[in-house]
Amino acid sequence: MSDEPALVSDERDGETTEADDVDTAHLDDVEPGAGCTEIWEHLSERREQAGSD
């Protein structure tokens, strides 16, 4: 792996920022290597929990 920070593109305005500047706390409970489906399920579960609070 490179020591260079990953870049993340913001599709809304085309800006590119370093990944270190992006808040990823909502993914802290996702297992490393998880695919799109697992991430989608995780985010859906969090939304459901937040809606029942």
PDB file of N, CA and C in Angstrom:
ATOM      1  N   MET A   1       0.834  -1.184   0.000  1.00  0.00           N
ATOM      2  CA  MET A   1       0.000   0.000   0.000  1.00  0.00           C
ATOM      3  C   MET A   1       0.874   1.241   0.000  1.00  0.00           C
ATOM      4  N   SER A   2       0.318   2.258  -0.594  1.00  0.00           N
ATOM      5  CA  SER A   2       1.031   3.515  -0.690  1.00  0.00           C
ATOM      6  C   SER A   2       0.829   4.335   0.575  1.00  0.00           C
ATOM      7  N   ASP A   3       1.820   5.150   0.898  1.00  0.00           N
ATOM      8  CA  ASP A   3       1.683   6.060   2.032  1.00  0.00           C
ATOM      9  C   ASP A   3       0.905   7.313   1.648  1.00  0.00           C
ATOM     10  N   GLU A   4       0.635   7.475   0.346  1.00  0.00           N
ATOM     11  CA  GLU A   4      -0.127   8.623  -0.120  1.00  0.00           C
ATOM     12  C   GLU A   4      -1.583   8.467   0.311  1.00  0.00           C
ATOM     13  N   PRO A   5      -2.221   9.546   0.765  1.00  0.00           N
ATOM     14  CA  PRO A   5      -3.633   9.439   1.135  1.00  0.00           C
ATOM     15  C   PRO A   5      -4.483   9.185  -0.101  1.00  0.00           C
ATOM     16  N   ALA A   6      -5.539   8.410   0.080  1.00  0.00           N
ATOM     17  CA  ALA A   6      -6.456   8.150  -1.030  1.00  0.00           C
ATOM     18  C   ALA A   6      -7.250   9.408  -1.320  1.00  0.00           C
ATOM     19  N   LEU A   7      -7.641   9.555  -2.565  1.00  0.00           N
ATOM     20  CA  LEU A   7      -8.446  10.708  -2.944  1.00  0.00           C
ATOM     21  C   LEU A   7      -9.892  10.265  -3.111  1.00  0.00           C
ATOM     22  N   VAL A   8     -10.794  11.124  -2.706  1.00  0.00           N
ATOM     23  CA  VAL A   8     -12.216  10.843  -2.806  1.00  0.00           C
ATOM     24  C   VAL A   8     -12.835  11.949  -3.632  1.00  0.00           C
ATOM     25  N   SER A   9     -13.610  11.576  -4.638  1.00  0.00           N
ATOM     26  CA  SER A   9     -14.262  12.563  -5.492  1.00  0.00           C
ATOM     27  C   SER A   9     -15.656  12.841  -4.953  1.00  0.00           C
ATOM     28  N   ASP A  10     -15.999  14.108  -4.868  1.00  0.00           N
ATOM     29  CA  ASP A  10     -17.335  14.519  -4.455  1.00  0.00           C
ATOM     30  C   ASP A  10     -18.130  14.770  -5.724  1.00  0.00           C
ATOM     31  N   GLU A  11     -19.061  13.868  -6.034  1.00  0.00           N
ATOM     32  CA  GLU A  11     -19.799  13.960  -7.287  1.00  0.00           C
ATOM     33  C   GLU A  11     -20.679  15.204  -7.360  1.00  0.00           C
ATOM     34  N   ARG A  12     -21.017  15.784  -6.226  1.00  0.00           N
ATOM     35  CA  ARG A  12     -21.894  16.956  -6.243  1.00  0.00           C
ATOM     36  C   ARG A  12     -21.213  18.156  -6.879  1.00  0.00           C
ATOM     37  N   ASP A  13     -19.949  18.378  -6.558  1.00  0.00           N
ATOM     38  CA  ASP A  13     -19.288  19.561  -7.089  1.00  0.00           C
ATOM     39  C   ASP A  13     -17.977  19.250  -7.817  1.00  0.00           C
ATOM     40  N   GLY A  14     -17.637  17.974  -7.936  1.00  0.00           N
ATOM     41  CA  GLY A  14     -16.435  17.603  -8.662  1.00  0.00           C
ATOM     42  C   GLY A  14     -15.146  17.812  -7.884  1.00  0.00           C
ATOM     43  N   GLU A  15     -15.250  18.287  -6.649  1.00  0.00           N
ATOM     44  CA  GLU A  15     -14.064  18.507  -5.830  1.00  0.00           C
ATOM     45  C   GLU A  15     -13.441  17.163  -5.441  1.00  0.00           C
ATOM     46  N   THR A  16     -12.140  17.147  -5.293  1.00  0.00           N
ATOM     47  CA  THR A  16     -11.431  15.966  -4.824  1.00  0.00           C
ATOM     48  C   THR A  16     -10.747  16.320  -3.511  1.00  0.00           C
ATOM     49  N   THR A  17     -10.957  15.470  -2.497  1.00  0.00           N
ATOM     50  CA  THR A  17     -10.353  15.699  -1.193  1.00  0.00           C
ATOM     51  C   THR A  17      -9.596  14.455  -0.766  1.00  0.00           C
ATOM     52  N   GLU A  18      -8.715  14.617   0.194  1.00  0.00           N
ATOM     53  CA  GLU A  18      -8.006  13.468   0.734  1.00  0.00           C
ATOM     54  C   GLU A  18      -8.973  12.653   1.580  1.00  0.00           C
ATOM     55  N   ALA A  19      -8.866  11.337   1.504  1.00  0.00           N
ATOM     56  CA  ALA A  19      -9.759  10.449   2.243  1.00  0.00           C
ATOM     57  C   ALA A  19      -9.666  10.700   3.743  1.00  0.00           C
ATOM     58  N   ASP A  20      -8.509  11.162   4.213  1.00  0.00           N
ATOM     59  CA  ASP A  20      -8.357  11.426   5.639  1.00  0.00           C
ATOM     60  C   ASP A  20      -9.286  12.537   6.102  1.00  0.00           C
ATOM     61  N   ASP A  21      -9.749  13.373   5.178  1.00  0.00           N
ATOM     62  CA  ASP A  21     -10.635  14.476   5.518  1.00  0.00           C
ATOM     63  C   ASP A  21     -12.104  14.076   5.513  1.00  0.00           C
ATOM     64  N   VAL A  22     -12.412  12.855   5.093  1.00  0.00           N
ATOM     65  CA  VAL A  22     -13.785  12.390   4.970  1.00  0.00           C
ATOM     66  C   VAL A  22     -14.178  11.640   6.238  1.00  0.00           C
ATOM     67  N   ASP A  23     -15.324  12.001   6.814  1.00  0.00           N
ATOM     68  CA  ASP A  23     -15.809  11.346   8.026  1.00  0.00           C
ATOM     69  C   ASP A  23     -16.361   9.965   7.667  1.00  0.00           C
ATOM     70  N   THR A  24     -15.738   8.921   8.178  1.00  0.00           N
ATOM     71  CA  THR A  24     -16.183   7.549   7.905  1.00  0.00           C
ATOM     72  C   THR A  24     -16.659   6.841   9.168  1.00  0.00           C
ATOM     73  N   ALA A  25     -17.006   7.591  10.206  1.00  0.00           N
ATOM     74  CA  ALA A  25     -17.419   6.997  11.476  1.00  0.00           C
ATOM     75  C   ALA A  25     -18.629   6.090  11.301  1.00  0.00           C
ATOM     76  N   HIS A  26     -19.489   6.399  10.337  1.00  0.00           N
ATOM     77  CA  HIS A  26     -20.685   5.584  10.113  1.00  0.00           C
ATOM     78  C   HIS A  26     -20.344   4.192   9.575  1.00  0.00           C
ATOM     79  N   LEU A  27     -19.095   3.959   9.237  1.00  0.00           N
ATOM     80  CA  LEU A  27     -18.659   2.655   8.739  1.00  0.00           C
ATOM     81  C   LEU A  27     -17.750   1.925   9.722  1.00  0.00           C
ATOM     82  N   ASP A  28     -17.594   2.444  10.919  1.00  0.00           N
ATOM     83  CA  ASP A  28     -16.678   1.847  11.897  1.00  0.00           C
ATOM     84  C   ASP A  28     -17.017   0.399  12.230  1.00  0.00           C
ATOM     85  N   ASP A  29     -18.291   0.029  12.209  1.00  0.00           N
ATOM     86  CA  ASP A  29     -18.697  -1.324  12.575  1.00  0.00           C
ATOM     87  C   ASP A  29     -18.696  -2.295  11.403  1.00  0.00           C
ATOM     88  N   VAL A  30     -18.346  -1.837  10.212  1.00  0.00           N
ATOM     89  CA  VAL A  30     -18.311  -2.700   9.028  1.00  0.00           C
ATOM     90  C   VAL A  30     -16.980  -3.449   9.010  1.00  0.00           C
ATOM     91  N   GLU A  31     -17.070  -4.745   8.758  1.00  0.00           N
ATOM     92  CA  GLU A  31     -15.870  -5.581   8.720  1.00  0.00           C
ATOM     93  C   GLU A  31     -14.980  -5.182   7.539  1.00  0.00           C
ATOM     94  N   PRO A  32     -13.661  -5.188   7.729  1.00  0.00           N
ATOM     95  CA  PRO A  32     -12.756  -4.925   6.606  1.00  0.00           C
ATOM     96  C   PRO A  32     -13.008  -5.943   5.489  1.00  0.00           C
ATOM     97  N   GLY A  33     -13.025  -5.477   4.271  1.00  0.00           N
ATOM     98  CA  GLY A  33     -13.262  -6.359   3.134  1.00  0.00           C
ATOM     99  C   GLY A  33     -14.728  -6.559   2.814  1.00  0.00           C
ATOM    100  N   ALA A  34     -15.616  -5.893   3.546  1.00  0.00           N
ATOM    101  CA  ALA A  34     -17.043  -6.029   3.281  1.00  0.00           C
ATOM    102  C   ALA A  34     -17.361  -5.481   1.899  1.00  0.00           C
ATOM    103  N   GLY A  35     -18.332  -6.089   1.267  1.00  0.00           N
ATOM    104  CA  GLY A  35     -18.745  -5.645  -0.064  1.00  0.00           C
ATOM    105  C   GLY A  35     -19.898  -4.667   0.021  1.00  0.00           C
ATOM    106  N   CYS A  36     -20.366  -4.265  -1.138  1.00  0.00           N
ATOM    107  CA  CYS A  36     -21.456  -3.280  -1.223  1.00  0.00           C
ATOM    108  C   CYS A  36     -22.697  -3.729  -0.459  1.00  0.00           C
ATOM    109  N   THR A  37     -23.061  -5.003  -0.577  1.00  0.00           N
ATOM    110  CA  THR A  37     -24.275  -5.497   0.070  1.00  0.00           C
ATOM    111  C   THR A  37     -24.151  -5.401   1.584  1.00  0.00           C
ATOM    112  N   GLU A  38     -23.018  -5.803   2.122  1.00  0.00           N
ATOM    113  CA  GLU A  38     -22.832  -5.736   3.573  1.00  0.00           C
ATOM    114  C   GLU A  38     -22.859  -4.297   4.069  1.00  0.00           C
ATOM    115  N   ILE A  39     -22.258  -3.406   3.324  1.00  0.00           N
ATOM    116  CA  ILE A  39     -22.258  -1.995   3.726  1.00  0.00           C
ATOM    117  C   ILE A  39     -23.670  -1.439   3.665  1.00  0.00           C
ATOM    118  N   TRP A  40     -24.404  -1.745   2.603  1.00  0.00           N
ATOM    119  CA  TRP A  40     -25.791  -1.286   2.459  1.00  0.00           C
ATOM    120  C   TRP A  40     -26.643  -1.803   3.631  1.00  0.00           C
ATOM    121  N   GLU A  41     -26.508  -3.098   3.962  1.00  0.00           N
ATOM    122  CA  GLU A  41     -27.266  -3.673   5.080  1.00  0.00           C
ATOM    123  C   GLU A  41     -26.916  -2.979   6.392  1.00  0.00           C
ATOM    124  N   HIS A  42     -25.635  -2.725   6.605  1.00  0.00           N
ATOM    125  CA  HIS A  42     -25.185  -2.066   7.829  1.00  0.00           C
ATOM    126  C   HIS A  42     -25.805  -0.675   7.943  1.00  0.00           C
ATOM    127  N   LEU A  43     -25.758   0.091   6.854  1.00  0.00           N
ATOM    128  CA  LEU A  43     -26.320   1.444   6.888  1.00  0.00           C
ATOM    129  C   LEU A  43     -27.833   1.407   7.070  1.00  0.00           C
ATOM    130  N   SER A  44     -28.502   0.437   6.461  1.00  0.00           N
ATOM    131  CA  SER A  44     -29.950   0.295   6.620  1.00  0.00           C
ATOM    132  C   SER A  44     -30.314  -0.014   8.069  1.00  0.00           C
ATOM    133  N   GLU A  45     -29.562  -0.904   8.690  1.00  0.00           N
ATOM    134  CA  GLU A  45     -29.805  -1.252  10.094  1.00  0.00           C
ATOM    135  C   GLU A  45     -29.616  -0.032  10.990  1.00  0.00           C
ATOM    136  N   ARG A  46     -28.585   0.771  10.711  1.00  0.00           N
ATOM    137  CA  ARG A  46     -28.350   1.982  11.514  1.00  0.00           C
ATOM    138  C   ARG A  46     -29.503   2.966  11.361  1.00  0.00           C
ATOM    139  N   ARG A  47     -30.026   3.100  10.137  1.00  0.00           N
ATOM    140  CA  ARG A  47     -31.161   4.001   9.908  1.00  0.00           C
ATOM    141  C   ARG A  47     -32.389   3.532  10.678  1.00  0.00           C
ATOM    142  N   GLU A  48     -32.641   2.207  10.641  1.00  0.00           N
ATOM    143  CA  GLU A  48     -33.779   1.654  11.362  1.00  0.00           C
ATOM    144  C   GLU A  48     -33.655   1.900  12.863  1.00  0.00           C
ATOM    145  N   GLN A  49     -32.453   1.690  13.396  1.00  0.00           N
ATOM    146  CA  GLN A  49     -32.213   1.926  14.833  1.00  0.00           C
ATOM    147  C   GLN A  49     -32.409   3.400  15.178  1.00  0.00           C
ATOM    148  N   ALA A  50     -31.931   4.275  14.326  1.00  0.00           N
ATOM    149  CA  ALA A  50     -32.063   5.716  14.578  1.00  0.00           C
ATOM    150  C   ALA A  50     -33.529   6.124  14.502  1.00  0.00           C
ATOM    151  N   GLY A  51     -34.297   5.490  13.637  1.00  0.00           N
ATOM    152  CA  GLY A  51     -35.708   5.813  13.498  1.00  0.00           C
ATOM    153  C   GLY A  51     -36.551   5.330  14.665  1.00  0.00           C
ATOM    154  N   SER A  52     -36.078   4.315  15.370  1.00  0.00           N
ATOM    155  CA  SER A  52     -36.842   3.779  16.503  1.00  0.00           C
ATOM    156  C   SER A  52     -36.447   4.406  17.825  1.00  0.00           C
ATOM    157  N   ASP A  53     -35.465   5.312  17.807  1.00  0.00           N
ATOM    158  CA  ASP A  53     -35.021   5.982  19.048  1.00  0.00           C
ATOM    159  C   ASP A  53     -35.970   7.068  19.458  1.00  0.00           C
TER     160      ASP A  53
END
